[in-house]
Structures are given as C-alpha cells and as structure tokens.
C-alpha atoms as a PDB file:
ATOM      1  CA  MET A   1     -29.316 162.462 199.570  1.00  0.00           C
ATOM      2  CA  SER A   2     -29.748 161.083 195.935  1.00  0.00           C
ATOM      3  CA  LYS A   3     -31.609 157.951 194.867  1.00  0.00           C
ATOM      4  CA  GLU A   4     -28.132 156.354 194.136  1.00  0.00           C
ATOM      5  CA  GLU A   5     -26.796 157.054 197.545  1.00  0.00           C
ATOM      6  CA  TYR A   6     -29.788 155.708 199.139  1.00  0.00           C
ATOM      7  CA  LEU A   7     -29.640 152.520 197.033  1.00  0.00           C
ATOM      8  CA  ALA A   8     -26.007 152.047 197.749  1.00  0.00           C
ATOM      9  CA  LEU A   9     -26.700 152.377 201.532  1.00  0.00           C
ATOM     10  CA  ALA A  10     -29.432 149.671 201.177  1.00  0.00           C
ATOM     11  CA  ALA A  11     -27.293 147.483 199.088  1.00  0.00           C
ATOM     12  CA  GLU A  12     -24.725 147.355 201.917  1.00  0.00           C
ATOM     13  CA  ARG A  13     -27.353 145.858 204.205  1.00  0.00           C
ATOM     14  CA  TYR A  14     -28.637 143.334 201.641  1.00  0.00           C
ATOM     15  CA  GLU A  15     -26.224 140.464 202.658  1.00  0.00           C
ATOM     16  CA  ALA A  16     -27.187 141.089 206.419  1.00  0.00           C
ATOM     17  CA  LEU A  17     -30.825 140.686 205.490  1.00  0.00           C
ATOM     18  CA  GLU A  18     -30.274 137.601 203.501  1.00  0.00           C
ATOM     19  CA  GLY A  19     -28.435 136.269 206.477  1.00  0.00           C
ATOM     20  CA  LEU A  20     -31.643 136.269 208.455  1.00  0.00           C
ATOM     21  CA  LYS A  21     -32.776 133.079 206.849  1.00  0.00           C
ATOM     22  CA  LYS A  22     -30.492 131.150 209.155  1.00  0.00           C
ATOM     23  CA  HIS A  23     -32.369 132.104 212.444  1.00  0.00           C
ATOM     24  CA  GLU A  24     -34.430 129.347 213.651  1.00  0.00           C
ATOM     25  CA  ASP A  25     -36.890 131.235 215.749  1.00  0.00           C
ATOM     26  CA  PHE A  26     -38.927 134.406 215.009  1.00  0.00           C
ATOM     27  CA  TYR A  27     -37.574 136.236 218.009  1.00  0.00           C
ATOM     28  CA  SER A  28     -33.984 136.193 216.999  1.00  0.00           C
ATOM     29  CA  TYR A  29     -35.048 136.776 213.602  1.00  0.00           C
ATOM     30  CA  GLU A  30     -36.972 140.008 214.718  1.00  0.00           C
ATOM     31  CA  ALA A  31     -34.155 141.198 216.830  1.00  0.00           C
ATOM     32  CA  GLU A  32     -31.439 141.022 214.193  1.00  0.00           C
ATOM     33  CA  PHE A  33     -33.917 142.552 211.696  1.00  0.00           C
ATOM     34  CA  ASP A  34     -34.519 145.414 213.941  1.00  0.00           C
ATOM     35  CA  LYS A  35     -30.825 146.090 214.512  1.00  0.00           C
ATOM     36  CA  ILE A  36     -30.234 146.145 210.797  1.00  0.00           C
ATOM     37  CA  TRP A  37     -33.044 148.567 209.940  1.00  0.00           C
ATOM     38  CA  THR A  38     -32.430 150.882 212.896  1.00  0.00           C
ATOM     39  CA  ALA A  39     -28.779 151.190 211.727  1.00  0.00           C
ATOM     40  CA  LEU A  40     -29.903 151.805 208.137  1.00  0.00           C
ATOM     41  CA  GLY A  41     -32.456 154.460 209.282  1.00  0.00           C
ATOM     42  CA  ARG A  42     -29.875 156.167 211.358  1.00  0.00           C
ATOM     43  CA  GLN A  43     -27.367 156.329 208.639  1.00  0.00           C
ATOM     44  CA  ILE A  44     -30.022 157.740 206.166  1.00  0.00           C
ATOM     45  CA  LEU A  45     -31.276 160.238 208.607  1.00  0.00           C
ATOM     46  CA  GLU A  46     -27.665 161.450 209.420  1.00  0.00           C
ATOM     47  CA  ASN A  47     -26.896 161.704 205.604  1.00  0.00           C
ATOM     48  CA  THR A  48     -30.104 163.685 204.902  1.00  0.00           C
ATOM     49  CA  VAL A  49     -29.848 166.168 207.867  1.00  0.00           C
ATOM     50  CA  SER A  50     -26.314 166.785 208.006  1.00  0.00           C
ATOM     51  CA  GLN A  51     -22.816 165.402 208.966  1.00  0.00           C
ATOM     52  CA  VAL A  52     -22.467 164.404 212.577  1.00  0.00           C
ATOM     53  CA  PRO A  53     -19.713 166.400 214.320  1.00  0.00           C
ATOM     54  CA  LYS A  54     -16.644 164.562 215.650  1.00  0.00           C
ATOM     55  CA  ASN A  55     -17.393 165.853 219.069  1.00  0.00           C
ATOM     56  CA  HIS A  56     -21.133 165.676 219.879  1.00  0.00           C
ATOM     57  CA  ARG A  57     -20.827 167.521 223.068  1.00  0.00           C
ATOM     58  CA  LYS A  58     -19.161 170.552 221.448  1.00  0.00           C
ATOM     59  CA  LYS A  59     -21.676 173.452 220.831  1.00  0.00           C
ATOM     60  CA  THR A  60     -21.754 175.021 217.366  1.00  0.00           C
ATOM     61  CA  SER A  61     -20.600 178.585 217.113  1.00  0.00           C
ATOM     62  CA  SER A  62     -23.357 181.065 216.963  1.00  0.00           C
ATOM     63  CA  GLY A  63     -23.737 184.713 217.697  1.00  0.00           C
ATOM     64  CA  PRO A  64     -25.405 186.170 220.658  1.00  0.00           C
ATOM     65  CA  GLY A  65     -29.388 186.018 220.721  1.00  0.00           C
ATOM     66  CA  THR A  66     -30.156 189.157 222.348  1.00  0.00           C
ATOM     67  CA  GLU A  67     -28.540 192.524 223.054  1.00  0.00           C
ATOM     68  CA  ARG A  68     -28.386 193.795 226.654  1.00  0.00           C
END
C-alpha cells in the first residue's frame, strides 16, 4: 500500500470524523469513533496483507505437505 492509497482511505473517513462533533455525550462519541477507526484499520490491514477472497470458507489450493 502506498502513501497515496493510505491517505485516500483516511480522506474517505474524514467527513465521518467531523460528524462526531454533533454527539452530545462522550459515550456515543467514543462508540462512533471506535466504529470508524476499526473499519479503517480493517480496510488498511486487508489492503496491506492481501485481497479478501469472495468465499472466505474456501480453502486455498496447495500441494500435499508430506509424502506417504
């Protein structure tokens, strides 16, 4: 992941972070903040590790580990 890709992902969340100012109490502010950052962190992690498969239950194809 390049710096530009990271900044683009962060820029997508900027409006949501600015919207946090409307919360009246700290609990709702913190809960919404946590949702935003968790989603951003997950997206960054997935982009840096690899693409998520369409079917997460399907095993990847690999050869046999040992000969018998």
